[in-house]
Amino acid sequence: MSKLEQIEKSVTELTQQEFSAFAEWFETLQMERWDRQLEADAASGKLDQFADEALAEFRARKTRPL
């Protein structure tokens, strides 16, 4: 049985309370990983092109208020 299959089996065997706690923990983990990836991408310049495009559209008045 693979590690993933073991995890899937374990998760399906959780009580409702345990599953709720697991789901909350997992969502927090996903958000933390997303934040770290976004920070790394920003630091490496991967997002510069998107920022430049957004600023160019703003300066060209191609945007609208939210």
C-alpha atoms as a PDB file:
ATOM      1  CA  MET A   1       0.000   0.000   0.000  1.00  0.00           C
ATOM      2  CA  SER A   2       1.417   3.388  -0.978  1.00  0.00           C
ATOM      3  CA  LYS A   3       1.779   6.252   1.467  1.00  0.00           C
ATOM      4  CA  LEU A   4      -1.082   8.073  -0.259  1.00  0.00           C
ATOM      5  CA  GLU A   5      -3.341   5.038  -0.004  1.00  0.00           C
ATOM      6  CA  GLN A   6      -2.508   4.753   3.703  1.00  0.00           C
ATOM      7  CA  ILE A   7      -3.410   8.409   4.231  1.00  0.00           C
ATOM      8  CA  GLU A   8      -6.661   8.046   2.286  1.00  0.00           C
ATOM      9  CA  LYS A   9      -7.625   5.004   4.346  1.00  0.00           C
ATOM     10  CA  SER A  10      -6.799   6.774   7.598  1.00  0.00           C
ATOM     11  CA  VAL A  11      -8.807   9.843   6.648  1.00  0.00           C
ATOM     12  CA  THR A  12     -11.881   7.806   5.750  1.00  0.00           C
ATOM     13  CA  GLU A  13     -11.717   6.166   9.195  1.00  0.00           C
ATOM     14  CA  LEU A  14     -11.734   9.454  11.142  1.00  0.00           C
ATOM     15  CA  THR A  15     -14.703  10.384  13.296  1.00  0.00           C
ATOM     16  CA  GLN A  16     -16.627  13.511  12.280  1.00  0.00           C
ATOM     17  CA  GLN A  17     -14.861  15.538  14.967  1.00  0.00           C
ATOM     18  CA  GLU A  18     -11.436  14.226  13.944  1.00  0.00           C
ATOM     19  CA  PHE A  19     -12.227  14.860  10.280  1.00  0.00           C
ATOM     20  CA  SER A  20     -13.241  18.446  11.005  1.00  0.00           C
ATOM     21  CA  ALA A  21      -9.984  19.036  12.878  1.00  0.00           C
ATOM     22  CA  PHE A  22      -8.016  17.395  10.073  1.00  0.00           C
ATOM     23  CA  ALA A  23      -9.783  19.477   7.412  1.00  0.00           C
ATOM     24  CA  GLU A  24      -9.012  22.689   9.313  1.00  0.00           C
ATOM     25  CA  TRP A  25      -5.361  21.675   9.727  1.00  0.00           C
ATOM     26  CA  PHE A  26      -5.068  20.714   6.055  1.00  0.00           C
ATOM     27  CA  GLU A  27      -6.610  23.974   4.843  1.00  0.00           C
ATOM     28  CA  THR A  28      -4.163  25.929   7.005  1.00  0.00           C
ATOM     29  CA  LEU A  29      -1.281  23.887   5.592  1.00  0.00           C
ATOM     30  CA  GLN A  30      -2.426  24.597   2.031  1.00  0.00           C
ATOM     31  CA  MET A  31      -2.660  28.330   2.723  1.00  0.00           C
ATOM     32  CA  GLU A  32       0.813  28.390   4.311  1.00  0.00           C
ATOM     33  CA  ARG A  33       2.333  26.559   1.338  1.00  0.00           C
ATOM     34  CA  TRP A  34       0.535  28.886  -1.087  1.00  0.00           C
ATOM     35  CA  ASP A  35       1.870  31.921   0.786  1.00  0.00           C
ATOM     36  CA  ARG A  36       5.436  30.562   0.742  1.00  0.00           C
ATOM     37  CA  GLN A  37       5.208  29.806  -2.989  1.00  0.00           C
ATOM     38  CA  LEU A  38       3.797  33.258  -3.746  1.00  0.00           C
ATOM     39  CA  GLU A  39       6.556  34.911  -1.708  1.00  0.00           C
ATOM     40  CA  ALA A  40       9.214  32.853  -3.513  1.00  0.00           C
ATOM     41  CA  ASP A  41       7.732  33.678  -6.922  1.00  0.00           C
ATOM     42  CA  ALA A  42       7.608  37.380  -6.069  1.00  0.00           C
ATOM     43  CA  ALA A  43      11.191  37.372  -4.788  1.00  0.00           C
ATOM     44  CA  SER A  44      12.444  35.571  -7.899  1.00  0.00           C
ATOM     45  CA  GLY A  45      10.753  38.026 -10.267  1.00  0.00           C
ATOM     46  CA  LYS A  46       8.280  35.496 -11.697  1.00  0.00           C
ATOM     47  CA  LEU A  47       5.403  37.916 -11.045  1.00  0.00           C
ATOM     48  CA  ASP A  48       7.062  41.055 -12.405  1.00  0.00           C
ATOM     49  CA  GLN A  49       5.523  40.649 -15.863  1.00  0.00           C
ATOM     50  CA  PHE A  50       2.019  40.486 -14.385  1.00  0.00           C
ATOM     51  CA  ALA A  51       2.619  43.556 -12.244  1.00  0.00           C
ATOM     52  CA  ASP A  52       3.987  45.464 -15.240  1.00  0.00           C
ATOM     53  CA  GLU A  53       0.952  44.515 -17.337  1.00  0.00           C
ATOM     54  CA  ALA A  54      -1.459  45.551 -14.590  1.00  0.00           C
ATOM     55  CA  LEU A  55       0.279  48.891 -14.091  1.00  0.00           C
ATOM     56  CA  ALA A  56       0.312  49.547 -17.840  1.00  0.00           C
ATOM     57  CA  GLU A  57      -3.430  48.885 -18.043  1.00  0.00           C
ATOM     58  CA  PHE A  58      -4.035  51.129 -15.045  1.00  0.00           C
ATOM     59  CA  ARG A  59      -1.962  53.940 -16.533  1.00  0.00           C
ATOM     60  CA  ALA A  60      -3.790  53.537 -19.862  1.00  0.00           C
ATOM     61  CA  ARG A  61      -7.073  53.863 -17.944  1.00  0.00           C
ATOM     62  CA  LYS A  62      -8.172  50.398 -19.035  1.00  0.00           C
ATOM     63  CA  THR A  63      -9.310  49.509 -15.524  1.00  0.00           C
ATOM     64  CA  ARG A  64     -12.458  50.171 -13.595  1.00  0.00           C
ATOM     65  CA  PRO A  65     -13.139  50.703  -9.886  1.00  0.00           C
ATOM     66  CA  LEU A  66     -14.093  47.649  -7.846  1.00  0.00           C
END
